[in-house]
Amino acid sequence: MNQNVSKENVAAALAHFTVKPLTPTIGAEIFGVDLAKPLDDATLAALHRTLLDWKVVFFRDQDITTEQHIAFARCFGELEVHPFVPCKPGYPELIALTHDRDHPGRENTWHSDVTWRLEPSLGSVLRAIEIPDVGGDTLFSDMYAAYEGLSDEVKAEVEGKTAIHDFAHFRTMLRKRGSTDEEIAAYEKLYPKAEHPVIRTHPETGRKGIYVNAAFTQHIVGMDPKRSAELLKHLYAQAAIPEYQCRFRWAVNSIAFWDNRACQHYAASDYWPAVRRMERATIIGDRPY
């Protein structure tokens, strides 16, 4: 994506598609964009601007190929390869997320993707391949609003604090699969525990947002363990406040593109034993500050 597109060209591109907000602060559906076609720099810049404004954007009826999915995500940055989650065969950049009777959904924890990385993701582009007749929605929560809703006392307590993030539940999964201590140690060397600010400043908008999550955060650095646990529990709970959320009902060929720096998400696992198949490309981000 060309970062030097003029404001006039971005405004002109915005006029060619429709943005329909789902809530006052987070989530918007975009109509009038066909992701099967190459997008010019002005349109990409306009979509990027819309993502920054709404934290997560949604597209309907995008009957695209795997290659087009990857190409669209790559317009916004290099793509990561996930070391622990199966990829679509032949496409290492594309995570295959399939849940069914034998593999129940398990992404039902509020989180931002791969915060255990030293440079967590910028964003994720998720496409629905097969969905249950009922259930399987994804919820998204605005971490700017969550931060702004904190009391002044809590804001002061977390100011300047950092927290440790770790791939702990993937380590548990590896052990269940039979990985040896040596193999796990090799992963730990490749992916050491990451230290990120409790409150992150978004590198593009300059806004502050909560940047700890129940899936990957371990403790707040330099804080009494009991107080760290209490404070993290309080911070995690902010994502579950309905006023900060939007909820997306999937259909086949729907796509969600979210900013992992500004929101968290939760995949409702209420559809067992039905099948839910999704594919996700994840864009590499930068080191939080």
C-alpha atoms as a PDB file:
ATOM      1  CA  MET A   1       0.000   0.000   0.000  1.00  0.00           C
ATOM      2  CA  ASN A   2       1.346   3.405  -0.989  1.00  0.00           C
ATOM      3  CA  GLN A   3       1.516   5.612   2.101  1.00  0.00           C
ATOM      4  CA  ASN A   4       1.841   8.800   0.026  1.00  0.00           C
ATOM      5  CA  VAL A   5      -1.637   8.940  -1.494  1.00  0.00           C
ATOM      6  CA  SER A   6      -3.045  12.455  -1.284  1.00  0.00           C
ATOM      7  CA  LYS A   7      -5.953  13.281   1.004  1.00  0.00           C
ATOM      8  CA  GLU A   8      -7.936  14.351  -2.051  1.00  0.00           C
ATOM      9  CA  ASN A   9      -7.481  10.949  -3.713  1.00  0.00           C
ATOM     10  CA  VAL A  10      -8.404   9.138  -0.497  1.00  0.00           C
ATOM     11  CA  ALA A  11     -11.552  11.256  -0.177  1.00  0.00           C
ATOM     12  CA  ALA A  12     -12.452  10.488  -3.787  1.00  0.00           C
ATOM     13  CA  ALA A  13     -11.981   6.749  -3.194  1.00  0.00           C
ATOM     14  CA  LEU A  14     -14.110   6.864  -0.038  1.00  0.00           C
ATOM     15  CA  ALA A  15     -16.935   8.293  -2.118  1.00  0.00           C
ATOM     16  CA  HIS A  16     -16.987   5.142  -4.248  1.00  0.00           C
ATOM     17  CA  PHE A  17     -17.921   2.744  -1.428  1.00  0.00           C
ATOM     18  CA  THR A  18     -20.385   2.783   1.449  1.00  0.00           C
ATOM     19  CA  VAL A  19     -19.447   2.476   5.136  1.00  0.00           C
ATOM     20  CA  LYS A  20     -22.237   1.321   7.443  1.00  0.00           C
ATOM     21  CA  PRO A  21     -21.296   1.452  11.158  1.00  0.00           C
ATOM     22  CA  LEU A  22     -22.448  -1.376  13.422  1.00  0.00           C
ATOM     23  CA  THR A  23     -22.059   0.683  16.605  1.00  0.00           C
ATOM     24  CA  PRO A  24     -21.057   4.269  17.427  1.00  0.00           C
ATOM     25  CA  THR A  25     -17.351   3.442  17.943  1.00  0.00           C
ATOM     26  CA  ILE A  26     -16.403   0.000  16.617  1.00  0.00           C
ATOM     27  CA  GLY A  27     -17.224  -2.064  13.567  1.00  0.00           C
ATOM     28  CA  ALA A  28     -18.400  -1.063  10.104  1.00  0.00           C
ATOM     29  CA  GLU A  29     -19.563  -2.966   7.057  1.00  0.00           C
ATOM     30  CA  ILE A  30     -18.135  -1.862   3.731  1.00  0.00           C
ATOM     31  CA  PHE A  31     -20.197  -2.126   0.542  1.00  0.00           C
ATOM     32  CA  GLY A  32     -19.070  -1.484  -3.011  1.00  0.00           C
ATOM     33  CA  VAL A  33     -15.600  -3.039  -2.861  1.00  0.00           C
ATOM     34  CA  ASP A  34     -14.805  -6.240  -4.769  1.00  0.00           C
ATOM     35  CA  LEU A  35     -11.747  -7.919  -3.247  1.00  0.00           C
ATOM     36  CA  ALA A  36     -11.475 -10.238  -6.242  1.00  0.00           C
ATOM     37  CA  LYS A  37     -10.248  -7.270  -8.294  1.00  0.00           C
ATOM     38  CA  PRO A  38      -6.935  -5.412  -7.932  1.00  0.00           C
ATOM     39  CA  LEU A  39      -7.403  -2.303  -5.810  1.00  0.00           C
ATOM     40  CA  ASP A  40      -5.641   0.955  -6.611  1.00  0.00           C
ATOM     41  CA  ASP A  41      -3.564   2.841  -4.066  1.00  0.00           C
ATOM     42  CA  ALA A  42      -6.293   5.356  -3.318  1.00  0.00           C
ATOM     43  CA  THR A  43      -8.848   2.653  -2.549  1.00  0.00           C
ATOM     44  CA  LEU A  44      -6.384   0.777  -0.340  1.00  0.00           C
ATOM     45  CA  ALA A  45      -5.565   3.990   1.514  1.00  0.00           C
ATOM     46  CA  ALA A  46      -9.286   4.682   1.971  1.00  0.00           C
ATOM     47  CA  LEU A  47      -9.844   1.175   3.359  1.00  0.00           C
ATOM     48  CA  HIS A  48      -6.874   1.668   5.684  1.00  0.00           C
ATOM     49  CA  ARG A  49      -8.340   4.956   6.893  1.00  0.00           C
ATOM     50  CA  THR A  50     -11.687   3.268   7.502  1.00  0.00           C
ATOM     51  CA  LEU A  51      -9.979   0.488   9.459  1.00  0.00           C
ATOM     52  CA  LEU A  52      -8.242   3.036  11.688  1.00  0.00           C
ATOM     53  CA  ASP A  53     -11.553   4.798  12.302  1.00  0.00           C
ATOM     54  CA  TRP A  54     -13.629   1.678  13.055  1.00  0.00           C
ATOM     55  CA  LYS A  55     -11.010  -0.848  14.335  1.00  0.00           C
ATOM     56  CA  VAL A  56     -12.705  -3.682  12.426  1.00  0.00           C
ATOM     57  CA  VAL A  57     -14.346  -3.642   9.002  1.00  0.00           C
ATOM     58  CA  PHE A  58     -16.482  -6.285   7.313  1.00  0.00           C
ATOM     59  CA  PHE A  59     -17.100  -7.288   3.719  1.00  0.00           C
ATOM     60  CA  ARG A  60     -19.928  -9.505   2.453  1.00  0.00           C
ATOM     61  CA  ASP A  61     -20.189 -11.850  -0.539  1.00  0.00           C
ATOM     62  CA  GLN A  62     -16.473 -11.937  -1.351  1.00  0.00           C
ATOM     63  CA  ASP A  63     -16.136 -15.096  -3.444  1.00  0.00           C
ATOM     64  CA  ILE A  64     -12.364 -14.870  -3.728  1.00  0.00           C
ATOM     65  CA  THR A  65      -9.590 -17.377  -4.202  1.00  0.00           C
ATOM     66  CA  THR A  66      -6.964 -18.211  -1.602  1.00  0.00           C
ATOM     67  CA  GLU A  67      -4.439 -16.260  -3.654  1.00  0.00           C
ATOM     68  CA  GLN A  68      -6.696 -13.195  -3.696  1.00  0.00           C
ATOM     69  CA  HIS A  69      -7.208 -13.437   0.068  1.00  0.00           C
ATOM     70  CA  ILE A  70      -3.453 -13.482   0.630  1.00  0.00           C
ATOM     71  CA  ALA A  71      -2.860 -10.713  -1.916  1.00  0.00           C
ATOM     72  CA  PHE A  72      -5.402  -8.419  -0.239  1.00  0.00           C
ATOM     73  CA  ALA A  73      -3.889  -8.922   3.217  1.00  0.00           C
ATOM     74  CA  ARG A  74      -0.385  -8.402   1.820  1.00  0.00           C
ATOM     75  CA  CYS A  75      -1.392  -4.947   0.559  1.00  0.00           C
ATOM     76  CA  PHE A  76      -1.146  -3.798   4.193  1.00  0.00           C
ATOM     77  CA  GLY A  77       2.176  -5.436   5.126  1.00  0.00           C
ATOM     78  CA  GLU A  78       4.170  -8.632   5.182  1.00  0.00           C
ATOM     79  CA  LEU A  79       2.342 -11.722   6.403  1.00  0.00           C
ATOM     80  CA  GLU A  80       3.392 -13.915   9.290  1.00  0.00           C
ATOM     81  CA  VAL A  81       3.580 -17.700   9.437  1.00  0.00           C
ATOM     82  CA  HIS A  82       2.071 -19.038  12.658  1.00  0.00           C
ATOM     83  CA  PRO A  83       4.347 -21.627  14.286  1.00  0.00           C
ATOM     84  CA  PHE A  84       1.669 -23.463  16.283  1.00  0.00           C
ATOM     85  CA  VAL A  85      -1.576 -23.419  14.277  1.00  0.00           C
ATOM     86  CA  PRO A  86      -2.063 -25.530  11.118  1.00  0.00           C
ATOM     87  CA  CYS A  87      -1.896 -23.693   7.808  1.00  0.00           C
ATOM     88  CA  LYS A  88      -3.884 -24.358   4.676  1.00  0.00           C
ATOM     89  CA  PRO A  89      -1.855 -26.929   2.700  1.00  0.00           C
ATOM     90  CA  GLY A  90       0.428 -25.136   0.287  1.00  0.00           C
ATOM     91  CA  TYR A  91      -0.196 -21.715   1.844  1.00  0.00           C
ATOM     92  CA  PRO A  92       1.975 -21.202   4.942  1.00  0.00           C
ATOM     93  CA  GLU A  93       0.689 -17.629   5.458  1.00  0.00           C
ATOM     94  CA  LEU A  94      -2.907 -18.781   5.780  1.00  0.00           C
ATOM     95  CA  ILE A  95      -4.153 -20.299   9.038  1.00  0.00           C
ATOM     96  CA  ALA A  96      -6.844 -22.963   8.672  1.00  0.00           C
ATOM     97  CA  LEU A  97      -9.302 -22.722  11.575  1.00  0.00           C
ATOM     98  CA  THR A  98     -11.667 -25.696  11.453  1.00  0.00           C
ATOM     99  CA  HIS A  99     -13.961 -26.721  14.290  1.00  0.00           C
ATOM    100  CA  ASP A 100     -16.415 -29.612  14.317  1.00  0.00           C
ATOM    101  CA  ARG A 101     -17.732 -32.389  16.543  1.00  0.00           C
ATOM    102  CA  ASP A 102     -14.232 -33.673  17.299  1.00  0.00           C
ATOM    103  CA  HIS A 103     -12.549 -30.248  17.492  1.00  0.00           C
ATOM    104  CA  PRO A 104     -14.772 -27.791  19.422  1.00  0.00           C
ATOM    105  CA  GLY A 105     -14.177 -24.059  19.092  1.00  0.00           C
ATOM    106  CA  ARG A 106     -11.582 -22.714  21.509  1.00  0.00           C
ATOM    107  CA  GLU A 107     -11.011 -19.070  20.547  1.00  0.00           C
ATOM    108  CA  ASN A 108     -13.646 -18.015  23.080  1.00  0.00           C
ATOM    109  CA  THR A 109     -11.350 -15.824  25.157  1.00  0.00           C
ATOM    110  CA  TRP A 110     -10.938 -12.086  24.657  1.00  0.00           C
ATOM    111  CA  HIS A 111      -7.582 -11.517  22.999  1.00  0.00           C
ATOM    112  CA  SER A 112      -5.481  -9.664  20.470  1.00  0.00           C
ATOM    113  CA  ASP A 113      -3.649 -11.980  18.086  1.00  0.00           C
ATOM    114  CA  VAL A 114      -0.106 -13.204  18.856  1.00  0.00           C
ATOM    115  CA  THR A 115       0.764 -10.651  21.531  1.00  0.00           C
ATOM    116  CA  TRP A 116       3.350 -13.231  22.650  1.00  0.00           C
ATOM    117  CA  ARG A 117       5.472 -12.115  19.699  1.00  0.00           C
ATOM    118  CA  LEU A 118       8.071  -9.383  20.173  1.00  0.00           C
ATOM    119  CA  GLU A 119       6.379  -7.653  17.235  1.00  0.00           C
ATOM    120  CA  PRO A 120       2.684  -8.620  17.445  1.00  0.00           C
ATOM    121  CA  SER A 121       0.404  -8.422  14.461  1.00  0.00           C
ATOM    122  CA  LEU A 122      -0.899  -5.252  12.886  1.00  0.00           C
ATOM    123  CA  GLY A 123      -4.105  -6.885  11.798  1.00  0.00           C
ATOM    124  CA  SER A 124      -5.881 -10.023  10.669  1.00  0.00           C
ATOM    125  CA  VAL A 125      -8.030 -10.809   7.628  1.00  0.00           C
ATOM    126  CA  LEU A 126     -10.459 -13.668   8.341  1.00  0.00           C
ATOM    127  CA  ARG A 127     -12.705 -15.273   5.719  1.00  0.00           C
ATOM    128  CA  ALA A 128     -15.655 -17.592   6.358  1.00  0.00           C
ATOM    129  CA  ILE A 129     -15.568 -20.795   4.275  1.00  0.00           C
ATOM    130  CA  GLU A 130     -18.272 -22.827   6.053  1.00  0.00           C
ATOM    131  CA  ILE A 131     -20.430 -21.646   8.922  1.00  0.00           C
ATOM    132  CA  PRO A 132     -23.044 -23.213  11.228  1.00  0.00           C
ATOM    133  CA  ASP A 133     -26.717 -22.478  10.622  1.00  0.00           C
ATOM    134  CA  VAL A 134     -26.870 -20.817  14.031  1.00  0.00           C
ATOM    135  CA  GLY A 135     -24.073 -19.447  16.235  1.00  0.00           C
ATOM    136  CA  GLY A 136     -20.393 -18.903  15.619  1.00  0.00           C
ATOM    137  CA  ASP A 137     -20.484 -15.089  15.704  1.00  0.00           C
ATOM    138  CA  THR A 138     -17.333 -13.097  16.439  1.00  0.00           C
ATOM    139  CA  LEU A 139     -17.393 -10.203  18.899  1.00  0.00           C
ATOM    140  CA  PHE A 140     -14.962  -7.296  18.828  1.00  0.00           C
ATOM    141  CA  SER A 141     -14.218  -4.855  21.643  1.00  0.00           C
ATOM    142  CA  ASP A 142     -12.868  -1.307  21.358  1.00  0.00           C
ATOM    143  CA  MET A 143      -9.742  -1.009  23.502  1.00  0.00           C
ATOM    144  CA  TYR A 144      -9.634   2.776  23.158  1.00  0.00           C
ATOM    145  CA  ALA A 145     -13.079   3.017  24.738  1.00  0.00           C
ATOM    146  CA  ALA A 146     -12.093   0.421  27.332  1.00  0.00           C
ATOM    147  CA  TYR A 147      -9.097   2.538  28.359  1.00  0.00           C
ATOM    148  CA  GLU A 148     -11.089   5.752  28.398  1.00  0.00           C
ATOM    149  CA  GLY A 149     -13.663   4.090  30.655  1.00  0.00           C
ATOM    150  CA  LEU A 150     -11.119   3.265  33.353  1.00  0.00           C
ATOM    151  CA  SER A 151     -11.142   5.265  36.545  1.00  0.00           C
ATOM    152  CA  ASP A 152      -8.474   7.938  36.961  1.00  0.00           C
ATOM    153  CA  GLU A 153      -6.989   5.860  39.791  1.00  0.00           C
ATOM    154  CA  VAL A 154      -6.541   2.781  37.608  1.00  0.00           C
ATOM    155  CA  LYS A 155      -5.177   4.869  34.739  1.00  0.00           C
ATOM    156  CA  ALA A 156      -2.580   6.315  37.095  1.00  0.00           C
ATOM    157  CA  GLU A 157      -1.670   2.872  38.440  1.00  0.00           C
ATOM    158  CA  VAL A 158      -1.031   1.383  35.005  1.00  0.00           C
ATOM    159  CA  GLU A 159       0.679   4.428  33.514  1.00  0.00           C
ATOM    160  CA  GLY A 160       4.098   3.405  32.206  1.00  0.00           C
ATOM    161  CA  LYS A 161       3.695  -0.231  33.319  1.00  0.00           C
ATOM    162  CA  THR A 162       4.630  -3.195  31.158  1.00  0.00           C
ATOM    163  CA  ALA A 163       3.442  -6.793  31.181  1.00  0.00           C
ATOM    164  CA  ILE A 164       4.871 -10.141  30.127  1.00  0.00           C
ATOM    165  CA  HIS A 165       3.166 -12.056  27.304  1.00  0.00           C
ATOM    166  CA  ASP A 166       3.789 -15.740  26.579  1.00  0.00           C
ATOM    167  CA  PHE A 167       2.476 -18.523  24.300  1.00  0.00           C
ATOM    168  CA  ALA A 168       1.518 -20.504  27.419  1.00  0.00           C
ATOM    169  CA  HIS A 169      -1.575 -22.275  26.084  1.00  0.00           C
ATOM    170  CA  PHE A 170       0.290 -23.269  22.917  1.00  0.00           C
ATOM    171  CA  ARG A 171       3.003 -24.755  25.140  1.00  0.00           C
ATOM    172  CA  THR A 172       0.316 -26.836  26.844  1.00  0.00           C
ATOM    173  CA  MET A 173      -0.984 -27.892  23.445  1.00  0.00           C
ATOM    174  CA  LEU A 174       2.519 -28.901  22.332  1.00  0.00           C
ATOM    175  CA  ARG A 175       2.950 -31.089  25.418  1.00  0.00           C
ATOM    176  CA  LYS A 176      -0.383 -32.786  24.737  1.00  0.00           C
ATOM    177  CA  ARG A 177       0.812 -33.514  21.205  1.00  0.00           C
ATOM    178  CA  GLY A 178       3.911 -35.183  22.582  1.00  0.00           C
ATOM    179  CA  SER A 179       6.551 -32.499  22.067  1.00  0.00           C
ATOM    180  CA  THR A 180       9.696 -33.078  24.105  1.00  0.00           C
ATOM    181  CA  ASP A 181      11.210 -30.611  26.552  1.00  0.00           C
ATOM    182  CA  GLU A 182      13.990 -30.006  24.029  1.00  0.00           C
ATOM    183  CA  GLU A 183      11.512 -29.195  21.262  1.00  0.00           C
ATOM    184  CA  ILE A 184       9.604 -26.804  23.502  1.00  0.00           C
ATOM    185  CA  ALA A 185      12.855 -25.168  24.603  1.00  0.00           C
ATOM    186  CA  ALA A 186      13.678 -24.583  20.934  1.00  0.00           C
ATOM    187  CA  TYR A 187      10.330 -22.792  20.489  1.00  0.00           C
ATOM    188  CA  GLU A 188      11.013 -20.719  23.606  1.00  0.00           C
ATOM    189  CA  LYS A 189      14.334 -19.646  22.130  1.00  0.00           C
ATOM    190  CA  LEU A 190      12.667 -18.637  18.878  1.00  0.00           C
ATOM    191  CA  TYR A 191       9.767 -16.909  20.650  1.00  0.00           C
ATOM    192  CA  PRO A 192      10.990 -15.544  23.992  1.00  0.00           C
ATOM    193  CA  LYS A 193       8.514 -13.987  26.390  1.00  0.00           C
ATOM    194  CA  ALA A 194       7.592 -10.499  25.224  1.00  0.00           C
ATOM    195  CA  GLU A 195       7.306  -7.389  27.387  1.00  0.00           C
ATOM    196  CA  HIS A 196       4.704  -4.911  26.146  1.00  0.00           C
ATOM    197  CA  PRO A 197       3.083  -1.801  27.642  1.00  0.00           C
ATOM    198  CA  VAL A 198      -0.093  -2.415  29.604  1.00  0.00           C
ATOM    199  CA  ILE A 199      -1.544   0.615  27.815  1.00  0.00           C
ATOM    200  CA  ARG A 200      -0.425   0.799  24.211  1.00  0.00           C
ATOM    201  CA  THR A 201      -0.203   3.952  22.112  1.00  0.00           C
ATOM    202  CA  HIS A 202      -1.399   3.179  18.600  1.00  0.00           C
ATOM    203  CA  PRO A 203       1.451   3.994  16.180  1.00  0.00           C
ATOM    204  CA  GLU A 204      -0.863   5.580  13.594  1.00  0.00           C
ATOM    205  CA  THR A 205      -3.718   7.177  15.520  1.00  0.00           C
ATOM    206  CA  GLY A 206      -1.766   8.123  18.660  1.00  0.00           C
ATOM    207  CA  ARG A 207      -4.670   6.925  20.812  1.00  0.00           C
ATOM    208  CA  LYS A 208      -4.200   4.876  23.977  1.00  0.00           C
ATOM    209  CA  GLY A 209      -5.774   1.467  24.445  1.00  0.00           C
ATOM    210  CA  ILE A 210      -5.633  -1.475  26.845  1.00  0.00           C
ATOM    211  CA  TYR A 211      -3.051  -3.965  25.597  1.00  0.00           C
ATOM    212  CA  VAL A 212      -3.272  -6.918  27.971  1.00  0.00           C
ATOM    213  CA  ASN A 213      -5.424  -9.964  27.341  1.00  0.00           C
ATOM    214  CA  ALA A 214      -6.449 -13.127  29.158  1.00  0.00           C
ATOM    215  CA  ALA A 215      -5.070 -15.435  26.467  1.00  0.00           C
ATOM    216  CA  PHE A 216      -1.413 -14.375  26.515  1.00  0.00           C
ATOM    217  CA  THR A 217      -0.603 -11.886  29.318  1.00  0.00           C
ATOM    218  CA  GLN A 218       1.131 -13.398  32.369  1.00  0.00           C
ATOM    219  CA  HIS A 219       1.813 -10.602  34.871  1.00  0.00           C
ATOM    220  CA  ILE A 220       2.635  -6.913  35.231  1.00  0.00           C
ATOM    221  CA  VAL A 221       6.359  -6.313  35.577  1.00  0.00           C
ATOM    222  CA  GLY A 222       7.578  -5.111  38.974  1.00  0.00           C
ATOM    223  CA  MET A 223       4.191  -5.298  40.666  1.00  0.00           C
ATOM    224  CA  ASP A 224       3.204  -7.368  43.687  1.00  0.00           C
ATOM    225  CA  PRO A 225       1.846 -10.655  42.226  1.00  0.00           C
ATOM    226  CA  LYS A 226      -1.479 -10.378  44.032  1.00  0.00           C
ATOM    227  CA  ARG A 227      -2.055  -6.810  42.897  1.00  0.00           C
ATOM    228  CA  SER A 228      -0.902  -7.702  39.377  1.00  0.00           C
ATOM    229  CA  ALA A 229      -3.488 -10.486  39.196  1.00  0.00           C
ATOM    230  CA  GLU A 230      -6.245  -8.228  40.569  1.00  0.00           C
ATOM    231  CA  LEU A 231      -5.443  -5.426  38.171  1.00  0.00           C
ATOM    232  CA  LEU A 232      -5.156  -7.695  35.143  1.00  0.00           C
ATOM    233  CA  LYS A 233      -8.502  -9.291  35.994  1.00  0.00           C
ATOM    234  CA  HIS A 234     -10.042  -5.819  36.070  1.00  0.00           C
ATOM    235  CA  LEU A 235      -8.428  -4.832  32.763  1.00  0.00           C
ATOM    236  CA  TYR A 236      -9.447  -8.075  31.048  1.00  0.00           C
ATOM    237  CA  ALA A 237     -13.048  -7.555  32.157  1.00  0.00           C
ATOM    238  CA  GLN A 238     -13.303  -4.285  30.245  1.00  0.00           C
ATOM    239  CA  ALA A 239     -13.438  -6.133  26.909  1.00  0.00           C
ATOM    240  CA  ALA A 240     -16.669  -7.840  28.025  1.00  0.00           C
ATOM    241  CA  ILE A 241     -18.585  -4.568  28.491  1.00  0.00           C
ATOM    242  CA  PRO A 242     -21.297  -4.516  25.788  1.00  0.00           C
ATOM    243  CA  GLU A 243     -21.051  -0.762  25.206  1.00  0.00           C
ATOM    244  CA  TYR A 244     -17.518  -1.278  23.878  1.00  0.00           C
ATOM    245  CA  GLN A 245     -18.461  -4.091  21.496  1.00  0.00           C
ATOM    246  CA  CYS A 246     -19.843  -4.992  18.120  1.00  0.00           C
ATOM    247  CA  ARG A 247     -20.955  -8.470  17.078  1.00  0.00           C
ATOM    248  CA  PHE A 248     -20.661  -9.923  13.575  1.00  0.00           C
ATOM    249  CA  ARG A 249     -22.913 -12.629  12.158  1.00  0.00           C
ATOM    250  CA  TRP A 250     -20.963 -14.580   9.571  1.00  0.00           C
ATOM    251  CA  ALA A 251     -22.114 -15.822   6.183  1.00  0.00           C
ATOM    252  CA  VAL A 252     -20.100 -17.811   3.656  1.00  0.00           C
ATOM    253  CA  ASN A 253     -17.586 -15.498   1.932  1.00  0.00           C
ATOM    254  CA  SER A 254     -17.863 -12.817   4.606  1.00  0.00           C
ATOM    255  CA  ILE A 255     -14.540 -11.237   5.564  1.00  0.00           C
ATOM    256  CA  ALA A 256     -13.484  -9.409   8.720  1.00  0.00           C
ATOM    257  CA  PHE A 257     -10.372  -7.221   8.765  1.00  0.00           C
ATOM    258  CA  TRP A 258      -9.439  -6.018  12.247  1.00  0.00           C
ATOM    259  CA  ASP A 259      -6.732  -3.899  13.812  1.00  0.00           C
ATOM    260  CA  ASN A 260      -5.089  -5.958  16.567  1.00  0.00           C
ATOM    261  CA  ARG A 261      -3.529  -2.790  17.971  1.00  0.00           C
ATOM    262  CA  ALA A 262      -6.916  -1.213  18.727  1.00  0.00           C
ATOM    263  CA  CYS A 263      -9.355  -4.010  19.505  1.00  0.00           C
ATOM    264  CA  GLN A 264      -9.719  -7.486  20.933  1.00  0.00           C
ATOM    265  CA  HIS A 265     -11.980 -10.248  19.675  1.00  0.00           C
ATOM    266  CA  TYR A 266     -13.842 -13.298  20.926  1.00  0.00           C
ATOM    267  CA  ALA A 267     -15.148 -16.135  18.760  1.00  0.00           C
ATOM    268  CA  ALA A 268     -18.357 -17.436  20.298  1.00  0.00           C
ATOM    269  CA  SER A 269     -18.071 -21.237  20.522  1.00  0.00           C
ATOM    270  CA  ASP A 270     -21.804 -21.842  20.784  1.00  0.00           C
ATOM    271  CA  TYR A 271     -22.274 -23.995  17.677  1.00  0.00           C
ATOM    272  CA  TRP A 272     -20.968 -27.452  18.652  1.00  0.00           C
ATOM    273  CA  PRO A 273     -21.234 -30.006  17.032  1.00  0.00           C
ATOM    274  CA  ALA A 274     -21.731 -28.002  13.816  1.00  0.00           C
ATOM    275  CA  VAL A 275     -18.828 -27.210  11.479  1.00  0.00           C
ATOM    276  CA  ARG A 276     -17.185 -23.792  11.307  1.00  0.00           C
ATOM    277  CA  ARG A 277     -14.320 -23.346   8.811  1.00  0.00           C
ATOM    278  CA  MET A 278     -12.401 -20.104   8.548  1.00  0.00           C
ATOM    279  CA  GLU A 279      -9.114 -18.999   6.978  1.00  0.00           C
ATOM    280  CA  ARG A 280      -6.959 -16.188   8.358  1.00  0.00           C
ATOM    281  CA  ALA A 281      -4.043 -14.161   7.080  1.00  0.00           C
ATOM    282  CA  THR A 282      -2.179 -12.128   9.693  1.00  0.00           C
ATOM    283  CA  ILE A 283      -0.190  -8.960   8.950  1.00  0.00           C
ATOM    284  CA  ILE A 284       3.092  -8.439  10.807  1.00  0.00           C
ATOM    285  CA  GLY A 285       3.113  -5.372  13.038  1.00  0.00           C
ATOM    286  CA  ASP A 286       5.723  -3.448  14.993  1.00  0.00           C
ATOM    287  CA  ARG A 287       6.972  -3.387  18.555  1.00  0.00           C
ATOM    288  CA  PRO A 288       4.359  -1.788  20.848  1.00  0.00           C
ATOM    289  CA  TYR A 289       5.192   1.349  22.823  1.00  0.00           C
END
